[in-house]
N, C-alpha and C. Protein backbone atom coordinates (compact mmCIF):
# COMPACT_ATOMS: atom_id res chain seq x y z
N MET A 1 105.12 109.96 60.20
CA MET A 1 105.55 109.32 61.72
C MET A 1 104.69 109.18 62.51
N LYS A 2 104.23 108.12 62.97
CA LYS A 2 102.95 108.17 64.01
C LYS A 2 103.30 108.70 65.43
N ILE A 3 102.56 109.41 65.71
CA ILE A 3 102.88 109.99 67.27
C ILE A 3 103.02 109.21 68.61
N GLU A 4 102.98 107.75 67.98
CA GLU A 4 102.83 106.77 69.38
C GLU A 4 104.54 106.72 69.41
N GLU A 5 105.30 106.94 68.59
CA GLU A 5 106.58 106.30 68.53
C GLU A 5 107.49 107.43 69.34
N PRO A 6 107.20 108.78 69.22
CA PRO A 6 107.92 109.66 69.81
C PRO A 6 107.45 109.17 71.60
N ILE A 7 106.29 109.32 71.85
CA ILE A 7 105.57 109.27 72.96
C ILE A 7 106.09 108.02 73.79
N LYS A 8 106.29 107.19 73.01
CA LYS A 8 106.85 105.75 73.97
C LYS A 8 108.31 106.03 74.06
N THR A 9 109.05 106.40 73.23
CA THR A 9 110.50 106.70 73.50
C THR A 9 110.79 107.80 74.85
N THR A 10 109.96 108.55 74.94
CA THR A 10 109.80 109.77 75.91
C THR A 10 109.46 109.06 77.18
N VAL A 11 108.43 108.41 76.94
CA VAL A 11 107.75 107.68 78.65
C VAL A 11 108.98 106.90 79.15
N GLU A 12 109.57 105.90 78.00
CA GLU A 12 110.46 105.11 78.71
C GLU A 12 111.76 105.62 79.46
N GLU A 13 112.12 107.13 78.81
CA GLU A 13 113.16 107.59 79.33
C GLU A 13 112.65 108.20 80.63
N LEU A 14 111.74 108.80 80.51
CA LEU A 14 111.08 109.20 81.90
C LEU A 14 110.98 108.05 83.06
N ARG A 15 110.70 107.04 82.72
CA ARG A 15 110.58 105.77 83.64
C ARG A 15 111.85 105.45 84.22
N SER A 16 113.20 105.92 83.61
CA SER A 16 114.32 105.38 83.98
C SER A 16 114.86 106.53 85.05
N LEU A 17 114.19 107.73 84.89
CA LEU A 17 114.19 109.05 85.63
C LEU A 17 113.68 108.82 86.88
N LEU A 18 112.71 108.35 86.90
CA LEU A 18 111.27 108.15 88.24
C LEU A 18 112.27 107.20 88.86
N ASP A 19 113.25 106.60 88.79
CA ASP A 19 113.73 105.58 89.82
C ASP A 19 113.68 105.84 91.00
N VAL A 20 113.32 105.05 92.20
CA VAL A 20 113.80 105.51 93.50
C VAL A 20 114.99 105.62 93.81
N LYS A 21 116.08 105.29 93.14
CA LYS A 21 117.37 105.49 93.52
C LYS A 21 117.81 106.81 93.22
N ASN A 22 117.08 107.68 92.34
CA ASN A 22 117.38 109.23 92.00
C ASN A 22 116.42 109.96 93.32
N LEU A 23 115.67 109.38 93.77
CA LEU A 23 114.86 110.12 95.14
C LEU A 23 115.71 110.02 96.33
N VAL A 24 116.06 108.73 96.61
CA VAL A 24 116.54 108.32 97.45
C VAL A 24 118.22 108.21 97.43
N GLY A 25 118.89 108.94 97.86
CA GLY A 25 120.49 109.15 97.34
C GLY A 25 121.52 108.09 98.10
N GLU A 26 122.59 107.82 97.56
CA GLU A 26 123.33 106.80 98.06
C GLU A 26 123.62 107.31 99.61
N ALA A 27 123.61 106.01 100.37
CA ALA A 27 124.06 106.12 101.86
C ALA A 27 125.14 106.66 101.79
N ILE A 28 125.89 107.84 103.24
CA ILE A 28 127.04 108.24 103.41
C ILE A 28 127.34 107.71 104.65
N GLU A 29 128.10 106.86 105.01
CA GLU A 29 128.67 106.41 106.23
C GLU A 29 129.68 106.95 106.69
N THR A 30 129.61 107.24 108.23
CA THR A 30 130.77 107.85 108.87
C THR A 30 131.20 106.88 110.27
N GLU A 31 131.76 107.24 111.17
CA GLU A 31 132.23 106.08 112.19
C GLU A 31 131.18 105.99 112.90
N ASP A 32 130.15 107.29 113.21
CA ASP A 32 129.16 106.72 114.20
C ASP A 32 127.59 107.42 113.67
N LYS A 33 127.78 107.34 112.28
CA LYS A 33 126.22 107.94 111.52
C LYS A 33 126.25 107.33 110.25
N VAL A 34 124.97 107.14 109.86
CA VAL A 34 124.37 106.67 108.23
C VAL A 34 123.53 107.90 107.89
N LEU A 35 124.15 108.59 107.01
CA LEU A 35 123.12 110.06 106.32
C LEU A 35 122.60 109.30 105.13
N ILE A 36 121.26 109.59 105.08
CA ILE A 36 120.64 109.10 103.72
C ILE A 36 119.83 110.34 103.32
N PRO A 37 120.40 110.78 102.04
CA PRO A 37 119.87 111.95 101.34
C PRO A 37 118.47 111.75 100.73
N LEU A 38 117.55 112.55 100.85
CA LEU A 38 116.26 112.41 100.09
C LEU A 38 116.21 113.58 99.04
N MET A 39 115.54 113.51 98.11
CA MET A 39 115.36 114.56 96.76
C MET A 39 113.67 114.54 96.59
N LYS A 40 113.43 115.79 96.13
CA LYS A 40 112.14 116.14 95.51
C LYS A 40 112.56 116.30 94.00
N MET A 41 111.70 115.65 93.31
CA MET A 41 111.63 115.54 91.90
C MET A 41 110.42 116.20 90.94
N GLY A 42 110.73 116.83 90.12
CA GLY A 42 109.45 117.49 89.44
C GLY A 42 109.79 117.19 87.74
N VAL A 43 108.52 116.88 87.24
CA VAL A 43 108.84 116.21 85.77
C VAL A 43 107.64 117.21 84.87
N GLY A 44 108.15 117.41 83.60
CA GLY A 44 107.16 118.09 82.81
C GLY A 44 107.25 117.02 81.51
N PHE A 45 106.29 117.10 80.86
CA PHE A 45 105.82 116.17 79.53
C PHE A 45 105.30 116.91 78.59
N GLY A 46 105.10 116.49 77.30
CA GLY A 46 104.76 117.29 76.03
C GLY A 46 104.68 116.59 74.76
N VAL A 47 103.91 116.85 74.08
CA VAL A 47 104.09 116.22 72.94
C VAL A 47 103.01 116.88 71.79
N GLY A 48 103.36 116.60 70.69
CA GLY A 48 102.58 117.21 69.50
C GLY A 48 102.40 116.64 67.96
N MET A 49 101.86 117.04 67.34
CA MET A 49 101.87 116.15 66.03
C MET A 49 100.93 117.63 65.17
N GLY A 50 101.43 117.41 63.80
CA GLY A 50 101.00 118.67 62.98
C GLY A 50 101.05 118.38 61.53
N GLU A 51 100.31 118.70 60.71
CA GLU A 51 100.11 118.61 59.12
C GLU A 51 100.04 119.88 58.56
N GLY A 52 100.85 119.93 57.59
CA GLY A 52 100.65 121.69 56.87
C GLY A 52 101.12 121.42 55.52
N THR A 53 100.90 122.42 54.84
CA THR A 53 101.37 122.81 53.55
C THR A 53 102.02 124.08 53.44
N SER A 54 102.99 124.06 52.28
CA SER A 54 103.73 125.28 51.95
C SER A 54 103.72 125.79 50.48
N SER A 55 104.29 126.58 50.04
CA SER A 55 104.27 127.01 49.02
C SER A 55 105.47 126.31 48.12
N GLU A 56 106.36 125.88 48.87
CA GLU A 56 107.48 125.40 48.05
C GLU A 56 107.50 123.95 47.96
N SER A 57 106.70 123.18 48.86
CA SER A 57 106.59 121.64 48.77
C SER A 57 104.95 121.45 48.95
N GLU A 58 104.88 120.06 48.69
CA GLU A 58 103.30 119.57 48.82
C GLU A 58 103.25 119.38 49.87
N GLY A 59 103.59 119.91 51.36
CA GLY A 59 103.14 119.74 52.44
C GLY A 59 103.90 118.58 53.09
N GLY A 60 103.68 118.20 54.73
CA GLY A 60 104.18 117.32 55.22
C GLY A 60 103.47 117.44 56.58
N SER A 61 104.10 116.61 57.64
CA SER A 61 103.59 116.52 58.87
C SER A 61 105.14 115.96 59.70
N GLY A 62 104.43 116.34 60.90
CA GLY A 62 105.58 116.01 62.24
C GLY A 62 105.07 115.76 63.16
N SER A 63 105.67 115.18 63.90
CA SER A 63 105.40 114.93 65.50
C SER A 63 106.46 115.04 66.44
N GLY A 64 106.13 115.27 67.70
CA GLY A 64 107.38 115.00 68.60
C GLY A 64 107.07 114.99 70.23
N ALA A 65 108.12 114.63 70.99
CA ALA A 65 107.61 114.51 72.36
C ALA A 65 108.71 115.08 73.27
N GLY A 66 108.68 115.78 74.13
CA GLY A 66 109.55 115.96 75.14
C GLY A 66 109.43 115.98 76.48
N ALA A 67 110.56 116.17 77.39
CA ALA A 67 110.17 115.87 78.91
C ALA A 67 111.71 116.55 79.73
N ALA A 68 111.15 116.95 80.61
CA ALA A 68 112.06 117.46 81.28
C ALA A 68 112.06 117.02 82.82
N ALA A 69 113.47 116.86 83.71
CA ALA A 69 113.14 116.59 84.85
C ALA A 69 114.19 117.26 85.76
N GLY A 70 114.04 117.79 87.02
CA GLY A 70 114.67 118.47 87.85
C GLY A 70 114.51 117.81 89.49
N ALA A 71 115.65 117.73 89.95
CA ALA A 71 115.77 117.03 91.53
C ALA A 71 116.35 117.98 92.27
N GLU A 72 115.86 118.25 93.37
CA GLU A 72 116.52 119.22 94.59
C GLU A 72 116.46 118.66 96.08
N PRO A 73 117.50 118.55 96.75
CA PRO A 73 117.55 118.04 97.86
C PRO A 73 116.59 118.76 98.87
N VAL A 74 116.13 117.82 99.94
CA VAL A 74 115.09 118.26 100.80
C VAL A 74 115.40 117.81 102.01
N ALA A 75 116.02 116.64 102.02
CA ALA A 75 116.36 116.37 103.69
C ALA A 75 117.05 115.27 103.67
N VAL A 76 117.46 115.13 104.95
CA VAL A 76 118.80 113.96 105.14
C VAL A 76 118.32 113.29 106.42
N ILE A 77 118.23 111.71 106.35
CA ILE A 77 117.96 111.05 107.43
C ILE A 77 119.03 110.66 108.13
N VAL A 78 119.18 110.77 109.58
CA VAL A 78 120.39 110.62 109.95
C VAL A 78 120.39 109.27 110.90
N LEU A 79 121.02 108.32 110.93
CA LEU A 79 120.83 107.00 111.67
C LEU A 79 122.08 107.26 112.45
N LEU A 80 121.94 106.99 113.86
CA LEU A 80 123.13 106.88 114.82
C LEU A 80 123.44 105.46 115.10
N ARG A 81 124.77 105.26 114.84
CA ARG A 81 125.21 103.78 115.03
C ARG A 81 124.96 103.49 116.74
N GLY A 82 124.44 102.20 116.99
CA GLY A 82 124.56 101.86 118.46
C GLY A 82 123.42 102.62 119.20
N VAL A 83 122.29 103.18 118.51
CA VAL A 83 121.21 103.82 119.51
C VAL A 83 120.22 102.78 118.93
N LYS A 84 119.42 102.37 120.02
CA LYS A 84 118.31 101.62 119.49
C LYS A 84 117.19 102.40 119.93
N GLY A 85 116.07 102.27 118.99
CA GLY A 85 114.83 103.03 119.00
C GLY A 85 114.62 104.57 119.18
N PRO A 86 113.75 105.20 119.17
CA PRO A 86 113.78 106.88 118.78
C PRO A 86 114.35 107.48 120.09
N MET A 87 114.97 108.56 119.57
CA MET A 87 115.52 109.46 120.65
C MET A 87 114.81 110.47 121.06
N VAL A 88 114.86 110.66 122.60
CA VAL A 88 113.90 111.44 123.35
C VAL A 88 114.68 112.78 123.59
């Protein structure tokens, strides 16, 4: 197996994780406010490939790729309905 195949699959999955919709949450609407949650996200990524021999077989090779992601809420934007401009 070529190392490019697992890398390509893993990168495609990471791209779907890193969508802005995952960092800016769904707006929560109340009677007088709109709340927009914001997240921070961390991502880790690794790939590897190896070839070897063993006493039971003629050898082999392998490759792999993996990734992990985590999100954590960090802020909420509060928009007040009917209030124009910055509040002092």
